[in-house]
Amino acid sequence: MKKIFILVMSLFLILGCGSGNTSDKVEEHIKKNLGDNPTKQQIEDLLISGQIIYGSRPEEAKKYFEAAAKYDPRGAYALSDYYLEKEDYENFEKWAKQAAEGGDSRAQFNLGYYYDENSRLEEAKKWYIKAGEQGNVGAMLNLALIHGNENNKKEEEAWYLKAAEAGSAQAQFNLGVIDKNKKEYRKAEEWYLKAANQNYVPAYKAIGALYSKKKDYKEAEKWYLKALEMGDQSKEIYNNIGILYSKMNEFEKSLYFLEKALKKEPDNKMINCNILEVKKKLQNSNDVDIYIEKCNMD
């Protein structure tokens, strides 16, 4: 700890000096403190020094990262970040690859994402797999998405399962969707509940829909209202609640929520038709012609 403090203090003395070329002084500082056969602590000191000054002096910080990169993939990762910020993608790729090959899971993910965005999917998968094998949940999710887009359902589900077991609420929810589409509703509910226990809002709405399908309307109401409480203000949640109250013969409540849904998308045919149906049951003819017109739109 004392050695780090001394190095940092000497760093501030270098940067605080007003005369001379700061970049040259940083290089002198590195040579003086590094030696020919640096220890792990000396390499750590380089990384810390670069991180300390990166925000205000990125060019000088780069010198520390370049020195560290010869010995530690974290230095290469820091350089990849530096070049990414500058939108220098050639150098970003160079340094990200060095860090990734050195085992840095952040670099592996970033490299995978870079290839993914540039439609180099085989390379993307290669690096996502390496990052995923080190527990990078983002890589697992992106692998699942790629395999889903390729219609490889087995691999899609396998990577969602890995991410779900690592604690990803998004993956748990997506597995619920997969099981629901297979009509395996009990398994779907289990995954939705796991996601809901992490306050993943779409899961509340999905659980509500499952209970509504089972005609357990009070339980569906509970979960839909939880979704509202957690901040879901979508037209879908308002429409779902409106339909639910209609099934429960609570037509005034139904109309209230359907009208809130309609405010989100006034020309939505389905919502207009739902409102029209409820108004008929309420024998409410106010503005009914508007809803008839929009309900009958092609």
Protein backbone atom coordinates (compact mmCIF):
# COMPACT_ATOMS: atom_id res chain seq x y z
CA MET A 1 0.00 0.00 0.00
CA LYS A 2 2.89 2.34 0.86
CA LYS A 3 4.52 1.66 -2.54
CA ILE A 4 1.31 2.56 -4.36
CA PHE A 5 1.01 5.77 -2.35
CA ILE A 6 4.59 6.76 -3.22
CA LEU A 7 4.03 6.03 -6.92
CA VAL A 8 0.80 8.03 -7.00
CA MET A 9 2.41 10.97 -5.21
CA SER A 10 5.29 10.98 -7.67
CA LEU A 11 2.75 10.84 -10.49
CA PHE A 12 1.02 13.97 -9.20
CA LEU A 13 4.38 15.73 -8.90
CA ILE A 14 5.11 14.95 -12.55
CA LEU A 15 1.73 16.13 -13.77
CA GLY A 16 1.73 19.16 -11.55
CA CYS A 17 4.98 20.46 -13.00
CA GLY A 18 4.23 23.21 -15.48
CA SER A 19 7.34 23.01 -17.63
CA GLY A 20 8.53 20.44 -20.14
CA ASN A 21 6.75 17.79 -22.11
CA THR A 22 4.41 15.90 -19.76
CA SER A 23 4.24 12.89 -22.07
CA ASP A 24 8.03 12.56 -22.00
CA LYS A 25 8.02 12.83 -18.22
CA VAL A 26 5.41 10.09 -17.98
CA GLU A 27 7.64 7.86 -20.11
CA GLU A 28 10.60 8.64 -17.83
CA HIS A 29 8.42 7.87 -14.82
CA ILE A 30 7.43 4.51 -16.31
CA LYS A 31 11.03 3.53 -17.12
CA LYS A 32 12.23 4.57 -13.69
CA ASN A 33 9.56 2.62 -11.80
CA LEU A 34 9.16 -0.40 -14.09
CA GLY A 35 12.61 -1.82 -14.69
CA ASP A 36 13.41 -4.72 -17.01
CA ASN A 37 11.54 -7.43 -15.11
CA PRO A 38 8.50 -5.82 -13.47
CA THR A 39 6.68 -7.41 -10.56
CA LYS A 40 2.91 -7.89 -10.44
CA GLN A 41 2.70 -4.93 -8.09
CA GLN A 42 4.62 -2.69 -10.49
CA ILE A 43 2.26 -3.65 -13.32
CA GLU A 44 -0.70 -2.99 -11.01
CA ASP A 45 0.78 0.43 -10.25
CA LEU A 46 0.89 1.24 -13.97
CA LEU A 47 -2.78 0.39 -14.37
CA ILE A 48 -3.75 2.43 -11.30
CA SER A 49 -1.70 5.41 -12.50
CA GLY A 50 -3.41 5.33 -15.89
CA GLN A 51 -6.86 5.05 -14.34
CA ILE A 52 -6.22 7.99 -11.99
CA ILE A 53 -5.37 10.45 -14.76
CA TYR A 54 -7.50 9.03 -17.58
CA GLY A 55 -10.38 11.48 -17.19
CA SER A 56 -8.23 14.62 -17.39
CA ARG A 57 -5.14 13.40 -19.29
CA PRO A 58 -6.09 10.47 -21.53
CA GLU A 59 -2.98 10.77 -23.74
CA GLU A 60 -0.67 10.43 -20.74
CA ALA A 61 -2.84 7.63 -19.33
CA LYS A 62 -2.42 5.79 -22.62
CA LYS A 63 1.34 5.62 -21.98
CA TYR A 64 0.73 3.74 -18.74
CA PHE A 65 -1.73 1.38 -20.39
CA GLU A 66 0.70 0.69 -23.26
CA ALA A 67 3.40 -0.21 -20.76
CA ALA A 68 1.03 -2.42 -18.77
CA ALA A 69 -0.34 -4.09 -21.91
CA LYS A 70 3.01 -5.81 -22.50
CA TYR A 71 2.41 -7.85 -19.36
CA ASP A 72 -1.30 -7.75 -18.48
CA PRO A 73 -4.46 -8.03 -20.64
CA ARG A 74 -6.09 -5.32 -18.53
CA GLY A 75 -3.72 -2.80 -20.08
CA ALA A 76 -4.81 -3.88 -23.55
CA TYR A 77 -8.45 -3.67 -22.46
CA ALA A 78 -7.91 -0.10 -21.23
CA LEU A 79 -6.34 0.77 -24.59
CA SER A 80 -9.29 -0.74 -26.45
CA ASP A 81 -11.60 1.53 -24.43
CA TYR A 82 -9.40 4.51 -25.23
CA TYR A 83 -9.59 3.86 -28.98
CA LEU A 84 -13.30 3.04 -28.85
CA GLU A 85 -13.98 6.48 -27.36
CA LYS A 86 -12.01 7.99 -30.24
CA GLU A 87 -13.99 5.86 -32.74
CA ASP A 88 -10.69 4.43 -33.98
CA TYR A 89 -12.13 0.98 -34.63
CA GLU A 90 -9.00 -0.49 -36.19
CA ASN A 91 -6.98 0.10 -33.04
CA PHE A 92 -9.95 -0.79 -30.86
CA GLU A 93 -10.12 -4.20 -32.54
CA LYS A 94 -6.36 -4.69 -32.26
CA TRP A 95 -6.23 -4.04 -28.52
CA ALA A 96 -9.55 -5.70 -27.70
CA LYS A 97 -8.33 -8.84 -29.46
CA GLN A 98 -5.06 -8.80 -27.49
CA ALA A 99 -6.97 -8.43 -24.22
CA ALA A 100 -9.53 -11.04 -25.25
CA GLU A 101 -6.83 -13.53 -26.20
CA GLY A 102 -5.30 -12.85 -22.79
CA GLY A 103 -8.54 -13.95 -21.15
CA ASP A 104 -10.20 -10.63 -20.28
CA SER A 105 -13.94 -11.39 -20.37
CA ARG A 106 -14.88 -7.71 -20.80
CA ALA A 107 -12.76 -7.52 -23.93
CA GLN A 108 -14.18 -10.81 -25.17
CA PHE A 109 -17.70 -9.42 -24.79
CA ASN A 110 -16.81 -6.07 -26.40
CA LEU A 111 -15.11 -7.79 -29.32
CA GLY A 112 -18.10 -10.08 -29.75
CA TYR A 113 -20.44 -7.09 -29.68
CA TYR A 114 -18.28 -5.23 -32.23
CA TYR A 115 -18.44 -8.19 -34.62
CA ASP A 116 -22.15 -8.66 -33.90
CA GLU A 117 -22.90 -5.04 -34.83
CA ASN A 118 -20.89 -5.47 -38.03
CA SER A 119 -22.73 -8.68 -39.02
CA ARG A 120 -19.64 -10.84 -38.52
CA LEU A 121 -21.70 -13.35 -36.60
CA GLU A 122 -19.35 -16.34 -36.53
CA GLU A 123 -16.61 -14.18 -35.00
CA ALA A 124 -19.16 -12.63 -32.65
CA LYS A 125 -20.28 -16.06 -31.45
CA LYS A 126 -16.68 -17.16 -30.91
CA TRP A 127 -15.95 -14.30 -28.52
CA TYR A 128 -19.36 -14.31 -26.86
CA ILE A 129 -18.85 -18.00 -26.07
CA LYS A 130 -15.47 -17.29 -24.46
CA ALA A 131 -16.97 -14.45 -22.41
CA GLY A 132 -20.04 -16.53 -21.55
CA GLU A 133 -17.87 -19.38 -20.33
CA GLN A 134 -16.35 -16.90 -17.87
CA GLY A 135 -19.79 -15.93 -16.58
CA ASN A 136 -20.46 -12.82 -18.67
CA VAL A 137 -24.26 -12.70 -18.66
CA GLY A 138 -24.47 -10.12 -21.45
CA ALA A 139 -22.58 -12.51 -23.72
CA MET A 140 -24.98 -15.34 -22.83
CA LEU A 141 -28.00 -13.17 -23.65
CA ASN A 142 -26.53 -12.04 -26.97
CA LEU A 143 -25.68 -15.61 -27.93
CA ALA A 144 -29.28 -16.59 -27.23
CA LEU A 145 -30.49 -13.72 -29.44
CA ILE A 146 -28.18 -14.69 -32.31
CA HIS A 147 -29.25 -18.34 -32.16
CA GLY A 148 -32.90 -17.27 -31.95
CA ASN A 149 -32.51 -15.15 -35.08
CA GLU A 150 -30.90 -18.15 -36.78
CA ASN A 151 -33.88 -20.29 -35.69
CA ASN A 152 -31.58 -22.52 -33.66
CA LYS A 153 -34.06 -22.98 -30.82
CA LYS A 154 -31.99 -25.54 -28.94
CA GLU A 155 -28.95 -23.26 -28.61
CA GLU A 156 -31.14 -20.21 -27.96
CA GLU A 157 -32.79 -21.94 -25.01
CA ALA A 158 -29.47 -23.36 -23.76
CA TRP A 159 -27.87 -19.91 -23.51
CA TYR A 160 -30.96 -18.35 -21.94
CA LEU A 161 -30.84 -21.16 -19.38
CA LYS A 162 -27.18 -20.41 -18.57
CA ALA A 163 -28.01 -16.72 -18.16
CA ALA A 164 -31.10 -17.50 -16.08
CA GLU A 165 -29.09 -19.75 -13.77
CA ALA A 166 -26.57 -16.90 -13.43
CA GLY A 167 -29.43 -14.72 -12.17
CA SER A 168 -30.54 -12.79 -15.26
CA ALA A 169 -34.19 -11.74 -14.86
CA GLN A 170 -34.38 -11.01 -18.59
CA ALA A 171 -33.29 -14.57 -19.40
CA GLN A 172 -35.75 -16.00 -16.86
CA PHE A 173 -38.55 -14.01 -18.47
CA ASN A 174 -37.53 -15.08 -21.98
CA LEU A 175 -37.51 -18.74 -20.92
CA GLY A 176 -41.03 -18.15 -19.63
CA VAL A 177 -42.04 -16.84 -23.05
CA ILE A 178 -40.47 -19.88 -24.75
CA ASP A 179 -42.33 -22.27 -22.43
CA LYS A 180 -45.60 -20.36 -22.87
CA ASN A 181 -45.27 -20.67 -26.65
CA LYS A 182 -44.78 -24.43 -26.14
CA LYS A 183 -48.00 -24.36 -24.06
CA GLU A 184 -45.98 -25.50 -21.03
CA TYR A 185 -47.76 -23.02 -18.80
CA ARG A 186 -46.60 -24.36 -15.42
CA LYS A 187 -42.93 -24.05 -16.42
CA ALA A 188 -43.62 -20.63 -17.93
CA GLU A 189 -45.14 -19.46 -14.65
CA GLU A 190 -42.12 -20.70 -12.69
CA TRP A 191 -39.74 -18.68 -14.87
CA TYR A 192 -41.98 -15.60 -14.80
CA LEU A 193 -42.10 -15.78 -11.00
CA LYS A 194 -38.31 -15.95 -10.79
CA ALA A 195 -38.09 -12.82 -12.96
CA ALA A 196 -40.86 -11.09 -11.00
CA ASN A 197 -38.99 -11.78 -7.75
CA GLN A 198 -36.25 -9.57 -9.21
CA ASN A 199 -38.81 -6.84 -10.00
CA TYR A 200 -38.62 -7.47 -13.75
CA VAL A 201 -41.79 -5.59 -14.71
CA PRO A 202 -42.74 -7.46 -17.93
CA ALA A 203 -42.99 -10.63 -15.83
CA TYR A 204 -45.88 -9.19 -13.77
CA LYS A 205 -47.90 -8.60 -16.92
CA ALA A 206 -47.05 -12.07 -18.25
CA ILE A 207 -48.14 -13.76 -15.00
CA GLY A 208 -51.37 -11.77 -15.09
CA ALA A 209 -52.02 -13.00 -18.64
CA LEU A 210 -51.44 -16.62 -17.56
CA TYR A 211 -53.95 -16.34 -14.72
CA SER A 212 -56.44 -14.59 -16.98
CA LYS A 213 -56.14 -17.51 -19.43
CA LYS A 214 -56.83 -19.91 -16.53
CA LYS A 215 -59.86 -17.75 -15.63
CA ASP A 216 -58.38 -17.01 -12.22
CA TYR A 217 -59.37 -13.38 -12.60
CA LYS A 218 -58.65 -12.19 -9.05
CA GLU A 219 -55.09 -13.49 -9.25
CA ALA A 220 -54.70 -11.96 -12.73
CA GLU A 221 -55.94 -8.63 -11.36
CA LYS A 222 -53.34 -8.76 -8.57
CA TRP A 223 -50.45 -9.25 -10.99
CA TYR A 224 -51.66 -6.71 -13.54
CA LEU A 225 -52.03 -4.08 -10.81
CA LYS A 226 -48.51 -4.92 -9.58
CA ALA A 227 -47.26 -4.19 -13.09
CA LEU A 228 -48.94 -0.78 -12.90
CA GLU A 229 -47.44 -0.12 -9.47
CA MET A 230 -43.99 -1.00 -10.82
CA GLY A 231 -44.30 1.60 -13.57
CA ASP A 232 -45.73 -0.22 -16.60
CA GLN A 233 -47.79 2.48 -18.34
CA SER A 234 -48.07 0.74 -21.71
CA LYS A 235 -51.23 0.51 -23.77
CA GLU A 236 -50.97 -3.28 -23.44
CA ILE A 237 -51.28 -3.28 -19.65
CA TYR A 238 -54.23 -0.88 -19.70
CA ASN A 239 -55.93 -2.89 -22.44
CA ASN A 240 -55.30 -6.17 -20.61
CA ILE A 241 -56.77 -4.80 -17.38
CA GLY A 242 -59.73 -3.41 -19.29
CA ILE A 243 -60.43 -6.80 -20.89
CA LEU A 244 -60.00 -8.50 -17.51
CA TYR A 245 -62.57 -6.28 -15.81
CA SER A 246 -64.96 -6.89 -18.70
CA LYS A 247 -64.63 -10.64 -18.07
CA MET A 248 -65.33 -9.93 -14.39
CA ASN A 249 -68.45 -7.96 -15.41
CA GLU A 250 -66.98 -4.80 -13.88
CA PHE A 251 -67.72 -2.71 -16.94
CA GLU A 252 -67.15 0.78 -15.50
CA LYS A 253 -63.64 -0.23 -14.43
CA SER A 254 -63.15 -1.91 -17.78
CA LEU A 255 -64.08 1.25 -19.68
CA TYR A 256 -61.78 3.37 -17.48
CA PHE A 257 -58.70 1.28 -18.30
CA LEU A 258 -59.57 0.80 -21.96
CA GLU A 259 -59.88 4.56 -22.41
CA LYS A 260 -56.44 4.97 -20.81
CA ALA A 261 -55.12 2.44 -23.32
CA LEU A 262 -56.75 4.36 -26.17
CA LYS A 263 -55.00 7.58 -25.14
CA LYS A 264 -51.72 5.81 -25.85
CA GLU A 265 -52.80 4.94 -29.41
CA PRO A 266 -56.11 6.59 -30.44
CA ASP A 267 -56.42 4.76 -33.78
CA ASN A 268 -55.74 1.29 -32.41
CA LYS A 269 -58.48 -0.89 -33.93
CA MET A 270 -58.46 -3.57 -31.23
CA ILE A 271 -58.80 -1.09 -28.36
CA ASN A 272 -61.59 0.80 -30.13
CA CYS A 273 -63.43 -2.50 -30.65
CA ASN A 274 -62.96 -3.41 -26.98
CA ILE A 275 -64.38 -0.05 -25.88
CA LEU A 276 -67.31 -0.44 -28.26
CA GLU A 277 -68.13 -3.86 -26.79
CA VAL A 278 -68.03 -2.53 -23.21
CA LYS A 279 -70.17 0.49 -24.10
CA LYS A 280 -72.79 -1.85 -25.52
CA LYS A 281 -72.87 -3.77 -22.24
CA LEU A 282 -73.16 -0.50 -20.32
CA GLN A 283 -75.80 0.72 -22.78
CA ASN A 284 -73.64 3.83 -23.13
CA SER A 285 -74.10 5.41 -26.55
CA ASN A 286 -71.83 8.44 -25.98
CA ASP A 287 -69.50 8.91 -28.96
CA VAL A 288 -70.25 5.37 -30.04
CA ASP A 289 -70.09 6.31 -33.75
CA ILE A 290 -66.39 7.20 -33.40
CA TYR A 291 -65.60 3.77 -31.97
CA ILE A 292 -67.70 2.02 -34.63
CA GLU A 293 -65.79 3.85 -37.38
CA LYS A 294 -62.36 3.03 -35.94
CA CYS A 295 -63.35 -0.52 -35.07
CA ASN A 296 -64.32 -1.12 -38.70
CA MET A 297 -61.11 0.34 -40.16
CA ASP A 298 -59.16 -1.95 -42.49
